[in-house]
Amino acid sequence: MIRVIGLVLAIIFSNSAFADLGQRTEAAAKLFVVMDMDKQIAGGFEAMLPTVNQVATNLQLDAQETEELKSIYRDWFFKDIDQENLKNQIVDLYADTFTLDELQNITEFFQTPTGKKLAAKSPELAKLGAQFGMEAAQAKQQELMQRLMPFIEKHQPQPQQ
């Protein structure tokens, strides 16, 4: 009898967990829309494009060639990468990370004027933040090389005799 009760409780709780996950996934999908997450993803990609400038510099490309190179990256990201799968992974991530109440609270925030402004400005902020990081890293590239050289020298393959 105790085993039967335990089995029934396990079934109830597992169904409850699935229902909760379903509700959290629905809430996360709603948040995805409210936050304009499609724009956030695109903005995140655009924030990475300054790294292409480094490639362009190394290849000694002019401005037009640099834009052509960025277009190749954009085509790859938006045409070759499965955007729907990416969206679903992000929704699942939010559903796994936040409770239903938290997702609803976040959604409410992004429906306020401040939340809407944050959603609208986030792609540009991410792009500028990435640019600041890239500039800071470039300014200290010499220090990185000084730290790396002993490691590289230590791990270089020795010539065969």
N, C-alpha and C. Protein backbone atom coordinates (compact mmCIF):
# COMPACT_ATOMS: atom_id res chain seq x y z
N MET A 1 0.81 -1.19 0.00
CA MET A 1 0.00 0.00 0.00
C MET A 1 0.87 1.27 0.00
N ILE A 2 1.93 1.26 0.82
CA ILE A 2 2.83 2.42 0.88
C ILE A 2 3.49 2.64 -0.47
N ARG A 3 3.86 1.54 -1.14
CA ARG A 3 4.49 1.68 -2.46
C ARG A 3 3.53 2.30 -3.46
N VAL A 4 2.27 1.92 -3.40
CA VAL A 4 1.27 2.47 -4.31
C VAL A 4 1.10 3.96 -4.06
N ILE A 5 1.02 4.36 -2.79
CA ILE A 5 0.89 5.77 -2.45
C ILE A 5 2.12 6.54 -2.94
N GLY A 6 3.32 5.96 -2.73
CA GLY A 6 4.55 6.59 -3.20
C GLY A 6 4.56 6.76 -4.70
N LEU A 7 4.08 5.72 -5.42
CA LEU A 7 4.03 5.79 -6.87
C LEU A 7 3.05 6.87 -7.33
N VAL A 8 1.90 6.94 -6.69
CA VAL A 8 0.91 7.96 -7.03
C VAL A 8 1.46 9.35 -6.77
N LEU A 9 2.13 9.55 -5.64
CA LEU A 9 2.73 10.85 -5.33
C LEU A 9 3.81 11.20 -6.35
N ALA A 10 4.62 10.23 -6.74
CA ALA A 10 5.68 10.48 -7.73
C ALA A 10 5.07 10.91 -9.06
N ILE A 11 3.98 10.27 -9.45
CA ILE A 11 3.32 10.62 -10.71
C ILE A 11 2.74 12.03 -10.62
N ILE A 12 2.12 12.35 -9.50
CA ILE A 12 1.53 13.69 -9.32
C ILE A 12 2.62 14.75 -9.38
N PHE A 13 3.72 14.52 -8.64
CA PHE A 13 4.78 15.52 -8.62
C PHE A 13 5.48 15.64 -9.96
N SER A 14 5.66 14.52 -10.67
CA SER A 14 6.32 14.62 -11.98
C SER A 14 5.41 15.34 -12.97
N ASN A 15 4.10 15.08 -12.91
CA ASN A 15 3.17 15.82 -13.77
C ASN A 15 3.18 17.30 -13.42
N SER A 16 3.26 17.60 -12.14
CA SER A 16 3.33 18.99 -11.69
C SER A 16 4.60 19.65 -12.21
N ALA A 17 5.72 18.92 -12.16
CA ALA A 17 6.99 19.47 -12.66
C ALA A 17 6.91 19.74 -14.15
N PHE A 18 6.28 18.81 -14.91
CA PHE A 18 6.13 19.02 -16.34
C PHE A 18 5.22 20.21 -16.62
N ALA A 19 4.14 20.31 -15.84
CA ALA A 19 3.23 21.45 -16.03
C ALA A 19 3.96 22.75 -15.72
N ASP A 20 4.75 22.76 -14.64
CA ASP A 20 5.50 23.97 -14.27
C ASP A 20 6.50 24.32 -15.37
N LEU A 21 7.19 23.32 -15.90
CA LEU A 21 8.15 23.58 -16.97
C LEU A 21 7.42 24.13 -18.20
N GLY A 22 6.26 23.58 -18.50
CA GLY A 22 5.47 24.07 -19.63
C GLY A 22 5.06 25.52 -19.43
N GLN A 23 4.63 25.85 -18.21
CA GLN A 23 4.24 27.23 -17.91
C GLN A 23 5.45 28.15 -17.98
N ARG A 24 6.59 27.69 -17.45
CA ARG A 24 7.80 28.51 -17.51
C ARG A 24 8.25 28.70 -18.95
N THR A 25 8.12 27.67 -19.77
CA THR A 25 8.51 27.78 -21.18
C THR A 25 7.60 28.77 -21.90
N GLU A 26 6.30 28.69 -21.62
CA GLU A 26 5.37 29.66 -22.21
C GLU A 26 5.70 31.08 -21.76
N ALA A 27 5.97 31.24 -20.47
CA ALA A 27 6.31 32.56 -19.94
C ALA A 27 7.62 33.06 -20.54
N ALA A 28 8.59 32.16 -20.72
CA ALA A 28 9.87 32.55 -21.32
C ALA A 28 9.67 32.95 -22.78
N ALA A 29 8.80 32.24 -23.49
CA ALA A 29 8.51 32.58 -24.89
C ALA A 29 7.86 33.96 -24.97
N LYS A 30 6.96 34.25 -24.04
CA LYS A 30 6.33 35.58 -24.00
C LYS A 30 7.38 36.64 -23.73
N LEU A 31 8.27 36.37 -22.77
CA LEU A 31 9.35 37.31 -22.45
C LEU A 31 10.22 37.54 -23.67
N PHE A 32 10.50 36.48 -24.42
CA PHE A 32 11.30 36.58 -25.65
C PHE A 32 10.70 37.63 -26.57
N VAL A 33 9.38 37.61 -26.73
CA VAL A 33 8.69 38.55 -27.60
C VAL A 33 8.72 39.96 -27.01
N VAL A 34 8.39 40.07 -25.72
CA VAL A 34 8.33 41.38 -25.06
C VAL A 34 9.69 42.07 -25.08
N MET A 35 10.76 41.29 -24.91
CA MET A 35 12.11 41.86 -24.90
C MET A 35 12.65 42.13 -26.30
N ASP A 36 11.87 41.79 -27.33
CA ASP A 36 12.38 41.89 -28.71
C ASP A 36 13.68 41.11 -28.82
N MET A 37 13.66 39.87 -28.31
CA MET A 37 14.88 39.07 -28.26
C MET A 37 15.48 38.84 -29.64
N ASP A 38 14.64 38.83 -30.69
CA ASP A 38 15.19 38.71 -32.04
C ASP A 38 16.17 39.85 -32.30
N LYS A 39 15.79 41.06 -31.87
CA LYS A 39 16.68 42.22 -32.03
C LYS A 39 17.89 42.09 -31.11
N GLN A 40 17.69 41.51 -29.93
CA GLN A 40 18.81 41.31 -29.00
C GLN A 40 19.85 40.36 -29.61
N ILE A 41 19.37 39.29 -30.22
CA ILE A 41 20.28 38.33 -30.86
C ILE A 41 21.04 39.01 -32.00
N ALA A 42 20.30 39.73 -32.83
CA ALA A 42 20.95 40.45 -33.94
C ALA A 42 21.95 41.46 -33.40
N GLY A 43 21.56 42.17 -32.34
CA GLY A 43 22.46 43.15 -31.74
C GLY A 43 23.70 42.50 -31.14
N GLY A 44 23.51 41.34 -30.53
CA GLY A 44 24.65 40.61 -29.99
C GLY A 44 25.62 40.20 -31.09
N PHE A 45 25.05 39.78 -32.22
CA PHE A 45 25.91 39.44 -33.36
C PHE A 45 26.64 40.68 -33.86
N GLU A 46 25.91 41.78 -34.01
CA GLU A 46 26.54 43.01 -34.48
C GLU A 46 27.63 43.47 -33.52
N ALA A 47 27.43 43.20 -32.22
CA ALA A 47 28.43 43.58 -31.22
C ALA A 47 29.74 42.84 -31.44
N MET A 48 29.66 41.67 -32.07
CA MET A 48 30.88 40.90 -32.32
C MET A 48 31.60 41.34 -33.60
N LEU A 49 30.94 42.10 -34.44
CA LEU A 49 31.54 42.49 -35.72
C LEU A 49 32.81 43.33 -35.62
N PRO A 50 33.02 44.09 -34.54
CA PRO A 50 34.30 44.79 -34.47
C PRO A 50 35.51 43.85 -34.54
N THR A 51 35.33 42.60 -34.16
CA THR A 51 36.45 41.66 -34.30
C THR A 51 36.78 41.43 -35.77
N VAL A 52 35.80 41.61 -36.64
CA VAL A 52 36.04 41.48 -38.08
C VAL A 52 36.95 42.61 -38.55
N ASN A 53 36.86 43.77 -37.88
CA ASN A 53 37.75 44.87 -38.24
C ASN A 53 39.21 44.47 -38.07
N GLN A 54 39.49 43.66 -37.04
CA GLN A 54 40.87 43.19 -36.84
C GLN A 54 41.30 42.30 -38.01
N VAL A 55 40.41 41.43 -38.46
CA VAL A 55 40.70 40.58 -39.62
C VAL A 55 40.93 41.47 -40.84
N ALA A 56 40.07 42.46 -41.01
CA ALA A 56 40.20 43.38 -42.16
C ALA A 56 41.52 44.12 -42.11
N THR A 57 41.93 44.54 -40.93
CA THR A 57 43.21 45.23 -40.78
C THR A 57 44.35 44.30 -41.16
N ASN A 58 44.29 43.06 -40.67
CA ASN A 58 45.34 42.09 -40.99
C ASN A 58 45.41 41.80 -42.49
N LEU A 59 44.25 41.83 -43.15
CA LEU A 59 44.21 41.60 -44.60
C LEU A 59 44.43 42.87 -45.40
N GLN A 60 44.58 44.00 -44.70
CA GLN A 60 44.78 45.31 -45.31
C GLN A 60 43.64 45.67 -46.27
N LEU A 61 42.40 45.48 -45.78
CA LEU A 61 41.23 45.78 -46.60
C LEU A 61 40.85 47.24 -46.46
N ASP A 62 40.31 47.80 -47.54
CA ASP A 62 39.78 49.16 -47.45
C ASP A 62 38.36 49.11 -46.87
N ALA A 63 37.72 50.26 -46.71
CA ALA A 63 36.40 50.32 -46.07
C ALA A 63 35.35 49.50 -46.81
N GLN A 64 35.36 49.58 -48.13
CA GLN A 64 34.38 48.84 -48.92
C GLN A 64 34.61 47.33 -48.76
N GLU A 65 35.85 46.91 -48.81
CA GLU A 65 36.16 45.48 -48.66
C GLU A 65 35.82 44.99 -47.25
N THR A 66 36.02 45.86 -46.26
CA THR A 66 35.68 45.51 -44.88
C THR A 66 34.18 45.29 -44.76
N GLU A 67 33.39 46.17 -45.37
CA GLU A 67 31.93 46.00 -45.34
C GLU A 67 31.51 44.73 -46.07
N GLU A 68 32.20 44.41 -47.16
CA GLU A 68 31.90 43.17 -47.89
C GLU A 68 32.18 41.96 -47.00
N LEU A 69 33.29 42.01 -46.26
CA LEU A 69 33.63 40.93 -45.34
C LEU A 69 32.56 40.80 -44.25
N LYS A 70 32.12 41.94 -43.71
CA LYS A 70 31.06 41.91 -42.69
C LYS A 70 29.76 41.34 -43.26
N SER A 71 29.48 41.62 -44.52
CA SER A 71 28.29 41.07 -45.16
C SER A 71 28.35 39.55 -45.25
N ILE A 72 29.54 39.05 -45.50
CA ILE A 72 29.72 37.59 -45.54
C ILE A 72 29.40 37.00 -44.16
N TYR A 73 29.91 37.64 -43.11
CA TYR A 73 29.62 37.17 -41.75
C TYR A 73 28.12 37.27 -41.44
N ARG A 74 27.49 38.37 -41.85
CA ARG A 74 26.05 38.54 -41.60
C ARG A 74 25.24 37.47 -42.33
N ASP A 75 25.57 37.23 -43.60
CA ASP A 75 24.87 36.20 -44.36
C ASP A 75 25.01 34.85 -43.68
N TRP A 76 26.20 34.55 -43.23
CA TRP A 76 26.45 33.28 -42.54
C TRP A 76 25.58 33.18 -41.28
N PHE A 77 25.58 34.24 -40.48
CA PHE A 77 24.84 34.20 -39.22
C PHE A 77 23.34 34.11 -39.44
N PHE A 78 22.81 34.93 -40.34
CA PHE A 78 21.37 35.00 -40.49
C PHE A 78 20.80 33.98 -41.46
N LYS A 79 21.61 33.42 -42.35
CA LYS A 79 21.10 32.46 -43.32
C LYS A 79 21.51 31.02 -42.99
N ASP A 80 22.70 30.83 -42.46
CA ASP A 80 23.18 29.47 -42.23
C ASP A 80 22.89 28.96 -40.82
N ILE A 81 22.84 29.84 -39.86
CA ILE A 81 22.56 29.42 -38.49
C ILE A 81 21.05 29.34 -38.30
N ASP A 82 20.59 28.25 -37.73
CA ASP A 82 19.17 28.01 -37.52
C ASP A 82 18.64 28.95 -36.44
N GLN A 83 18.05 30.06 -36.85
CA GLN A 83 17.58 31.08 -35.93
C GLN A 83 16.45 30.57 -35.03
N GLU A 84 15.57 29.73 -35.58
CA GLU A 84 14.47 29.19 -34.78
C GLU A 84 15.00 28.29 -33.66
N ASN A 85 15.98 27.47 -33.98
CA ASN A 85 16.60 26.62 -32.96
C ASN A 85 17.30 27.48 -31.91
N LEU A 86 17.97 28.52 -32.34
CA LEU A 86 18.64 29.43 -31.41
C LEU A 86 17.61 30.06 -30.48
N LYS A 87 16.49 30.50 -31.04
CA LYS A 87 15.42 31.09 -30.23
C LYS A 87 14.92 30.07 -29.20
N ASN A 88 14.68 28.85 -29.64
CA ASN A 88 14.18 27.82 -28.72
C ASN A 88 15.18 27.52 -27.61
N GLN A 89 16.45 27.52 -27.93
CA GLN A 89 17.47 27.29 -26.90
C GLN A 89 17.46 28.41 -25.86
N ILE A 90 17.29 29.63 -26.31
CA ILE A 90 17.26 30.77 -25.39
C ILE A 90 16.01 30.72 -24.52
N VAL A 91 14.88 30.40 -25.12
CA VAL A 91 13.64 30.26 -24.35
C VAL A 91 13.81 29.19 -23.29
N ASP A 92 14.37 28.04 -23.67
CA ASP A 92 14.60 26.96 -22.71
C ASP A 92 15.57 27.39 -21.61
N LEU A 93 16.58 28.14 -21.98
CA LEU A 93 17.55 28.63 -20.99
C LEU A 93 16.86 29.51 -19.96
N TYR A 94 16.03 30.43 -20.42
CA TYR A 94 15.30 31.31 -19.50
C TYR A 94 14.32 30.49 -18.65
N ALA A 95 13.64 29.52 -19.26
CA ALA A 95 12.69 28.68 -18.52
C ALA A 95 13.40 27.86 -17.45
N ASP A 96 14.62 27.42 -17.73
CA ASP A 96 15.40 26.64 -16.76
C ASP A 96 16.03 27.51 -15.68
N THR A 97 16.26 28.78 -16.00
CA THR A 97 16.98 29.68 -15.09
C THR A 97 16.07 30.39 -14.10
N PHE A 98 14.87 30.73 -14.55
CA PHE A 98 13.97 31.54 -13.73
C PHE A 98 12.71 30.78 -13.37
N THR A 99 12.14 31.13 -12.22
CA THR A 99 10.85 30.58 -11.83
C THR A 99 9.76 31.25 -12.65
N LEU A 100 8.56 30.69 -12.57
CA LEU A 100 7.44 31.28 -13.28
C LEU A 100 7.19 32.71 -12.79
N ASP A 101 7.22 32.91 -11.47
CA ASP A 101 7.02 34.26 -10.92
C ASP A 101 8.09 35.23 -11.42
N GLU A 102 9.34 34.78 -11.45
CA GLU A 102 10.42 35.66 -11.91
C GLU A 102 10.23 36.02 -13.38
N LEU A 103 9.87 35.03 -14.19
CA LEU A 103 9.64 35.31 -15.61
C LEU A 103 8.51 36.31 -15.80
N GLN A 104 7.46 36.16 -15.01
CA GLN A 104 6.34 37.11 -15.11
C GLN A 104 6.76 38.50 -14.65
N ASN A 105 7.58 38.57 -13.59
CA ASN A 105 8.07 39.87 -13.12
C ASN A 105 8.97 40.54 -14.15
N ILE A 106 9.83 39.76 -14.76
CA ILE A 106 10.74 40.31 -15.79
C ILE A 106 9.92 40.81 -16.98
N THR A 107 8.93 40.02 -17.36
CA THR A 107 8.06 40.41 -18.48
C THR A 107 7.34 41.72 -18.16
N GLU A 108 6.81 41.83 -16.93
CA GLU A 108 6.14 43.06 -16.53
C GLU A 108 7.10 44.25 -16.62
N PHE A 109 8.34 44.04 -16.17
CA PHE A 109 9.32 45.13 -16.24
C PHE A 109 9.54 45.56 -17.69
N PHE A 110 9.71 44.60 -18.59
CA PHE A 110 9.99 44.95 -19.98
C PHE A 110 8.78 45.53 -20.71
N GLN A 111 7.63 45.54 -20.06
CA GLN A 111 6.46 46.19 -20.62
C GLN A 111 6.34 47.63 -20.13
N THR A 112 7.20 48.03 -19.18
CA THR A 112 7.19 49.41 -18.69
C THR A 112 8.00 50.28 -19.67
N PRO A 113 7.86 51.59 -19.60
CA PRO A 113 8.67 52.45 -20.47
C PRO A 113 10.18 52.23 -20.27
N THR A 114 10.60 52.06 -19.02
CA THR A 114 12.03 51.83 -18.76
C THR A 114 12.47 50.49 -19.35
N GLY A 115 11.66 49.47 -19.17
CA GLY A 115 11.99 48.16 -19.73
C GLY A 115 12.04 48.17 -21.25
N LYS A 116 11.09 48.88 -21.86
CA LYS A 116 11.09 49.01 -23.32
C LYS A 116 12.34 49.74 -23.80
N LYS A 117 12.73 50.77 -23.06
CA LYS A 117 13.94 51.51 -23.44
C LYS A 117 15.16 50.62 -23.31
N LEU A 118 15.23 49.84 -22.21
CA LEU A 118 16.36 48.92 -22.04
C LEU A 118 16.43 47.91 -23.18
N ALA A 119 15.28 47.34 -23.54
CA ALA A 119 15.26 46.38 -24.65
C ALA A 119 15.70 47.04 -25.96
N ALA A 120 15.24 48.25 -26.19
CA ALA A 120 15.59 48.95 -27.43
C ALA A 120 17.06 49.34 -27.48
N LYS A 121 17.60 49.72 -26.35
CA LYS A 121 18.99 50.21 -26.31
C LYS A 121 20.02 49.09 -26.12
N SER A 122 19.60 47.92 -25.65
CA SER A 122 20.55 46.85 -25.34
C SER A 122 21.46 46.45 -26.49
N PRO A 123 20.94 46.28 -27.72
CA PRO A 123 21.86 45.90 -28.81
C PRO A 123 22.99 46.92 -29.02
N GLU A 124 22.64 48.22 -28.99
CA GLU A 124 23.67 49.25 -29.18
C GLU A 124 24.63 49.29 -27.99
N LEU A 125 24.08 49.13 -26.79
CA LEU A 125 24.93 49.09 -25.59
C LEU A 125 25.89 47.91 -25.64
N ALA A 126 25.39 46.76 -26.08
CA ALA A 126 26.25 45.57 -26.20
C ALA A 126 27.35 45.80 -27.22
N LYS A 127 26.99 46.43 -28.33
CA LYS A 127 27.96 46.72 -29.39
C LYS A 127 29.05 47.66 -28.86
N LEU A 128 28.63 48.73 -28.19
CA LEU A 128 29.60 49.68 -27.65
C LEU A 128 30.44 49.05 -26.55
N GLY A 129 29.81 48.23 -25.72
CA GLY A 129 30.55 47.54 -24.66
C GLY A 129 31.61 46.61 -25.25
N ALA A 130 31.24 45.90 -26.30
CA ALA A 130 32.21 45.03 -26.97
C ALA A 130 33.35 45.84 -27.58
N GLN A 131 33.00 47.00 -28.13
CA GLN A 131 34.02 47.88 -28.71
C GLN A 131 34.97 48.37 -27.62
N PHE A 132 34.43 48.75 -26.46
CA PHE A 132 35.28 49.19 -25.35
C PHE A 132 36.22 48.07 -24.93
N GLY A 133 35.69 46.87 -24.84
CA GLY A 133 36.51 45.71 -24.46
C GLY A 133 37.61 45.44 -25.47
N MET A 134 37.27 45.54 -26.75
CA MET A 134 38.25 45.32 -27.82
C MET A 134 39.34 46.38 -27.75
N GLU A 135 38.96 47.62 -27.56
CA GLU A 135 39.95 48.71 -27.47
C GLU A 135 40.86 48.52 -26.26
N ALA A 136 40.28 48.13 -25.13
CA ALA A 136 41.08 47.90 -23.92
C ALA A 136 42.05 46.75 -24.13
N ALA A 137 41.58 45.70 -24.79
CA ALA A 137 42.45 44.54 -25.06
C ALA A 137 43.57 44.91 -26.02
N GLN A 138 43.24 45.67 -27.06
CA GLN A 138 44.27 46.07 -28.02
C GLN A 138 45.32 46.96 -27.37
N ALA A 139 44.88 47.82 -26.45
CA ALA A 139 45.82 48.72 -25.77
C ALA A 139 46.81 47.94 -24.90
N LYS A 140 46.43 46.75 -24.48
CA LYS A 140 47.28 45.94 -23.60
C LYS A 140 47.78 44.67 -24.29
N GLN A 141 47.75 44.68 -25.60
CA GLN A 141 48.18 43.51 -26.36
C GLN A 141 49.66 43.19 -26.12
N GLN A 142 50.48 44.20 -25.98
CA GLN A 142 51.91 44.00 -25.74
C GLN A 142 52.13 43.25 -24.42
N GLU A 143 51.37 43.63 -23.39
CA GLU A 143 51.50 42.95 -22.10
C GLU A 143 51.09 41.49 -22.20
N LEU A 144 50.06 41.22 -22.99
CA LEU A 144 49.64 39.84 -23.20
C LEU A 144 50.75 39.05 -23.88
N MET A 145 51.35 39.63 -24.89
CA MET A 145 52.44 38.93 -25.60
C MET A 145 53.61 38.66 -24.66
N GLN A 146 53.93 39.61 -23.78
CA GLN A 146 55.01 39.38 -22.82
C GLN A 146 54.68 38.22 -21.90
N ARG A 147 53.44 38.07 -21.54
CA ARG A 147 53.02 36.96 -20.67
C ARG A 147 52.99 35.64 -21.44
N LEU A 148 52.60 35.71 -22.71
CA LEU A 148 52.47 34.49 -23.51
C LEU A 148 53.80 33.92 -23.98
N MET A 149 54.76 34.78 -24.27
CA MET A 149 56.02 34.32 -24.87
C MET A 149 56.71 33.22 -24.06
N PRO A 150 56.86 33.35 -22.74
CA PRO A 150 57.49 32.25 -22.01
C PRO A 150 56.71 30.93 -22.13
N PHE A 151 55.41 31.02 -22.13
CA PHE A 151 54.58 29.82 -22.26
C PHE A 151 54.77 29.20 -23.64
N ILE A 152 54.74 30.04 -24.68
CA ILE A 152 54.89 29.55 -26.06
C ILE A 152 56.27 28.93 -26.23
N GLU A 153 57.29 29.60 -25.73
CA GLU A 153 58.65 29.07 -25.85
C GLU A 153 58.78 27.74 -25.12
N LYS A 154 58.17 27.63 -23.98
CA LYS A 154 58.22 26.40 -23.18
C LYS A 154 57.54 25.24 -23.89
N HIS A 155 56.48 25.54 -24.66
CA HIS A 155 55.69 24.47 -25.27
C HIS A 155 55.91 24.29 -26.76
N GLN A 156 56.90 24.98 -27.32
CA GLN A 156 57.19 24.79 -28.73
C GLN A 156 57.78 23.39 -28.93
N PRO A 157 57.41 22.75 -30.02
CA PRO A 157 58.01 21.44 -30.30
C PRO A 157 59.51 21.60 -30.53
N GLN A 158 60.26 20.70 -29.96
CA GLN A 158 61.71 20.72 -30.12
C GLN A 158 62.06 20.06 -31.47
N PRO A 159 63.05 20.63 -32.17
CA PRO A 159 63.45 20.03 -33.46
C PRO A 159 63.99 18.62 -33.24
N GLN A 160 63.64 17.77 -34.14
CA GLN A 160 64.14 16.38 -34.09
C GLN A 160 65.60 16.35 -34.50
N GLN A 161 66.37 15.58 -33.76
CA GLN A 161 67.80 15.48 -34.09
C GLN A 161 68.09 14.24 -34.88
